[in-house]
């Protein structure tokens, strides 16, 4: 095996390692993206529940005002 072959093998090894790291990085990025999606969904559900509670309280307050205004 000559020096040129050794460098060619080393270059191929480095290219393979780079591809593997890129694939690993993509899967890690996907996992992070999914985590952000879950947090956003939870935040959206909490905001919606808060709005529903506020609407329900406002409706109850309006009902009481109507009763006392009669």
N, C-alpha and C. Protein backbone atom coordinates (compact mmCIF):
# COMPACT_ATOMS: atom_id res chain seq x y z
N UNK A 1 0.85 -1.17 0.00
CA UNK A 1 0.00 0.00 0.00
C UNK A 1 0.90 1.23 0.00
N UNK A 2 0.63 2.11 -0.93
CA UNK A 2 1.45 3.31 -1.03
C UNK A 2 0.88 4.45 -0.21
N UNK A 3 1.62 5.52 -0.17
CA UNK A 3 1.22 6.70 0.60
C UNK A 3 -0.07 7.28 0.01
N UNK A 4 -0.21 7.28 -1.29
CA UNK A 4 -1.41 7.82 -1.92
C UNK A 4 -2.64 7.03 -1.49
N UNK A 5 -2.52 5.72 -1.40
CA UNK A 5 -3.64 4.89 -0.97
C UNK A 5 -4.02 5.18 0.48
N UNK A 6 -3.01 5.41 1.31
CA UNK A 6 -3.29 5.71 2.72
C UNK A 6 -4.08 7.02 2.84
N UNK A 7 -3.67 8.02 2.07
CA UNK A 7 -4.38 9.29 2.12
C UNK A 7 -5.80 9.16 1.56
N UNK A 8 -5.95 8.36 0.51
CA UNK A 8 -7.27 8.14 -0.07
C UNK A 8 -8.18 7.45 0.95
N UNK A 9 -7.65 6.43 1.66
CA UNK A 9 -8.43 5.74 2.68
C UNK A 9 -8.79 6.69 3.82
N UNK A 10 -7.84 7.51 4.23
CA UNK A 10 -8.09 8.45 5.32
C UNK A 10 -9.16 9.47 4.91
N UNK A 11 -9.09 9.94 3.68
CA UNK A 11 -10.09 10.88 3.18
C UNK A 11 -11.47 10.25 3.18
N UNK A 12 -11.54 8.99 2.77
CA UNK A 12 -12.83 8.29 2.75
C UNK A 12 -13.36 8.11 4.18
N UNK A 13 -12.47 7.75 5.10
CA UNK A 13 -12.88 7.60 6.51
C UNK A 13 -13.45 8.92 7.05
N UNK A 14 -12.76 10.00 6.76
CA UNK A 14 -13.23 11.31 7.24
C UNK A 14 -14.58 11.69 6.60
N UNK A 15 -14.74 11.38 5.34
CA UNK A 15 -16.01 11.66 4.67
C UNK A 15 -17.14 10.84 5.28
N UNK A 16 -16.87 9.57 5.59
CA UNK A 16 -17.88 8.72 6.22
C UNK A 16 -18.25 9.25 7.61
N UNK A 17 -17.23 9.66 8.36
CA UNK A 17 -17.49 10.22 9.70
C UNK A 17 -18.34 11.49 9.60
N UNK A 18 -18.03 12.33 8.62
CA UNK A 18 -18.77 13.58 8.45
C UNK A 18 -20.23 13.28 8.12
N UNK A 19 -20.47 12.31 7.23
CA UNK A 19 -21.85 11.96 6.89
C UNK A 19 -22.59 11.44 8.10
N UNK A 20 -21.94 10.60 8.89
CA UNK A 20 -22.58 10.04 10.09
C UNK A 20 -22.93 11.16 11.07
N UNK A 21 -22.02 12.09 11.27
CA UNK A 21 -22.29 13.20 12.19
C UNK A 21 -23.42 14.09 11.67
N UNK A 22 -23.47 14.27 10.36
CA UNK A 22 -24.56 15.08 9.81
C UNK A 22 -25.90 14.38 10.03
N UNK A 23 -25.94 13.07 9.84
CA UNK A 23 -27.18 12.33 10.08
C UNK A 23 -27.57 12.40 11.54
N UNK A 24 -26.58 12.23 12.43
CA UNK A 24 -26.86 12.31 13.87
C UNK A 24 -27.34 13.70 14.25
N UNK A 25 -26.75 14.71 13.65
CA UNK A 25 -27.15 16.08 13.93
C UNK A 25 -28.57 16.35 13.48
N UNK A 26 -28.96 15.80 12.33
CA UNK A 26 -30.33 15.99 11.85
C UNK A 26 -31.32 15.34 12.78
N UNK A 27 -31.03 14.13 13.23
CA UNK A 27 -31.97 13.45 14.12
C UNK A 27 -32.07 14.18 15.45
N UNK A 28 -30.94 14.73 15.93
CA UNK A 28 -30.97 15.50 17.17
C UNK A 28 -31.80 16.77 16.98
N UNK A 29 -31.63 17.40 15.84
CA UNK A 29 -32.42 18.60 15.54
C UNK A 29 -33.90 18.29 15.46
N UNK A 30 -34.25 17.14 14.92
CA UNK A 30 -35.65 16.74 14.85
C UNK A 30 -36.21 16.52 16.24
N UNK A 31 -35.42 15.89 17.11
CA UNK A 31 -35.90 15.67 18.48
C UNK A 31 -36.10 16.99 19.19
N UNK A 32 -35.18 17.93 18.98
CA UNK A 32 -35.34 19.23 19.62
C UNK A 32 -36.57 19.94 19.08
N UNK A 33 -36.78 19.83 17.78
CA UNK A 33 -37.96 20.46 17.18
C UNK A 33 -39.25 19.89 17.73
N UNK A 34 -39.28 18.57 17.95
CA UNK A 34 -40.47 17.94 18.50
C UNK A 34 -40.72 18.41 19.92
N UNK A 35 -39.64 18.58 20.69
CA UNK A 35 -39.79 19.08 22.06
C UNK A 35 -40.36 20.48 22.07
N UNK A 36 -39.89 21.31 21.14
CA UNK A 36 -40.42 22.67 21.05
C UNK A 36 -41.89 22.66 20.65
N UNK A 37 -42.24 21.75 19.75
CA UNK A 37 -43.64 21.63 19.34
C UNK A 37 -44.52 21.24 20.52
N UNK A 38 -44.04 20.30 21.33
CA UNK A 38 -44.83 19.87 22.49
C UNK A 38 -45.00 21.02 23.48
N UNK A 39 -43.92 21.78 23.71
CA UNK A 39 -44.03 22.91 24.64
C UNK A 39 -45.00 23.95 24.09
N UNK A 40 -44.94 24.19 22.79
CA UNK A 40 -45.85 25.16 22.18
C UNK A 40 -47.29 24.69 22.29
N UNK A 41 -47.54 23.40 22.05
CA UNK A 41 -48.88 22.85 22.17
C UNK A 41 -49.39 22.98 23.60
N UNK A 42 -48.55 22.68 24.57
CA UNK A 42 -48.95 22.80 25.97
C UNK A 42 -49.25 24.25 26.31
N UNK A 43 -48.44 25.15 25.81
CA UNK A 43 -48.66 26.58 26.05
C UNK A 43 -49.97 27.03 25.41
N UNK A 44 -50.24 26.56 24.20
CA UNK A 44 -51.49 26.92 23.53
C UNK A 44 -52.70 26.38 24.29
N UNK A 45 -52.61 25.14 24.78
CA UNK A 45 -53.72 24.57 25.54
C UNK A 45 -53.95 25.33 26.84
N UNK A 46 -52.87 25.72 27.50
CA UNK A 46 -53.00 26.48 28.74
C UNK A 46 -53.64 27.85 28.47
N UNK A 47 -53.22 28.48 27.40
CA UNK A 47 -53.79 29.79 27.05
C UNK A 47 -55.27 29.65 26.73
N UNK A 48 -55.63 28.59 26.00
CA UNK A 48 -57.02 28.36 25.65
C UNK A 48 -57.87 28.09 26.90
N UNK A 49 -57.33 27.29 27.82
CA UNK A 49 -58.06 27.00 29.06
C UNK A 49 -58.24 28.27 29.88
N UNK A 50 -57.23 29.10 29.90
CA UNK A 50 -57.32 30.37 30.63
C UNK A 50 -58.39 31.26 30.03
N UNK A 51 -58.42 31.33 28.70
CA UNK A 51 -59.44 32.14 28.04
C UNK A 51 -60.83 31.60 28.29
N UNK A 52 -60.98 30.27 28.28
CA UNK A 52 -62.29 29.67 28.55
C UNK A 52 -62.73 29.97 29.97
N UNK A 53 -61.81 29.88 30.92
CA UNK A 53 -62.14 30.19 32.31
C UNK A 53 -62.54 31.65 32.47
N UNK A 54 -61.81 32.52 31.80
CA UNK A 54 -62.12 33.95 31.88
C UNK A 54 -63.49 34.23 31.26
N UNK A 55 -63.78 33.58 30.14
CA UNK A 55 -65.09 33.76 29.50
C UNK A 55 -66.22 33.24 30.39
N UNK A 56 -65.98 32.11 31.04
CA UNK A 56 -66.99 31.53 31.93
C UNK A 56 -67.24 32.45 33.12
N UNK A 57 -66.17 32.99 33.68
CA UNK A 57 -66.30 33.91 34.82
C UNK A 57 -67.02 35.18 34.39
N UNK A 58 -66.68 35.67 33.21
CA UNK A 58 -67.34 36.88 32.72
C UNK A 58 -68.83 36.62 32.50
N UNK A 59 -69.18 35.44 31.99
CA UNK A 59 -70.58 35.10 31.79
C UNK A 59 -71.33 35.02 33.11
N UNK A 60 -70.70 34.43 34.12
CA UNK A 60 -71.33 34.34 35.44
C UNK A 60 -71.52 35.73 36.03
N UNK A 61 -70.54 36.60 35.88
CA UNK A 61 -70.65 37.96 36.40
C UNK A 61 -71.77 38.71 35.68
N UNK A 62 -71.87 38.52 34.37
CA UNK A 62 -72.96 39.17 33.62
C UNK A 62 -74.31 38.68 34.08
N UNK A 63 -74.43 37.37 34.34
CA UNK A 63 -75.70 36.82 34.83
C UNK A 63 -76.09 37.42 36.17
N UNK A 64 -75.12 37.57 37.07
CA UNK A 64 -75.41 38.16 38.39
C UNK A 64 -75.84 39.63 38.25
N UNK A 65 -75.18 40.37 37.38
CA UNK A 65 -75.55 41.76 37.18
C UNK A 65 -76.99 41.88 36.68
N UNK A 66 -77.37 40.98 35.77
CA UNK A 66 -78.73 41.00 35.24
C UNK A 66 -79.74 40.72 36.34
N UNK A 67 -79.42 39.78 37.24
CA UNK A 67 -80.34 39.45 38.32
C UNK A 67 -80.53 40.64 39.26
N UNK A 68 -79.43 41.34 39.57
CA UNK A 68 -79.53 42.44 40.51
C UNK A 68 -80.06 43.71 39.87
N UNK A 69 -79.95 43.83 38.55
CA UNK A 69 -80.45 45.03 37.87
C UNK A 69 -81.97 45.00 37.73
N UNK A 70 -82.61 43.88 37.90
CA UNK A 70 -84.07 43.79 37.73
C UNK A 70 -84.80 44.45 38.80
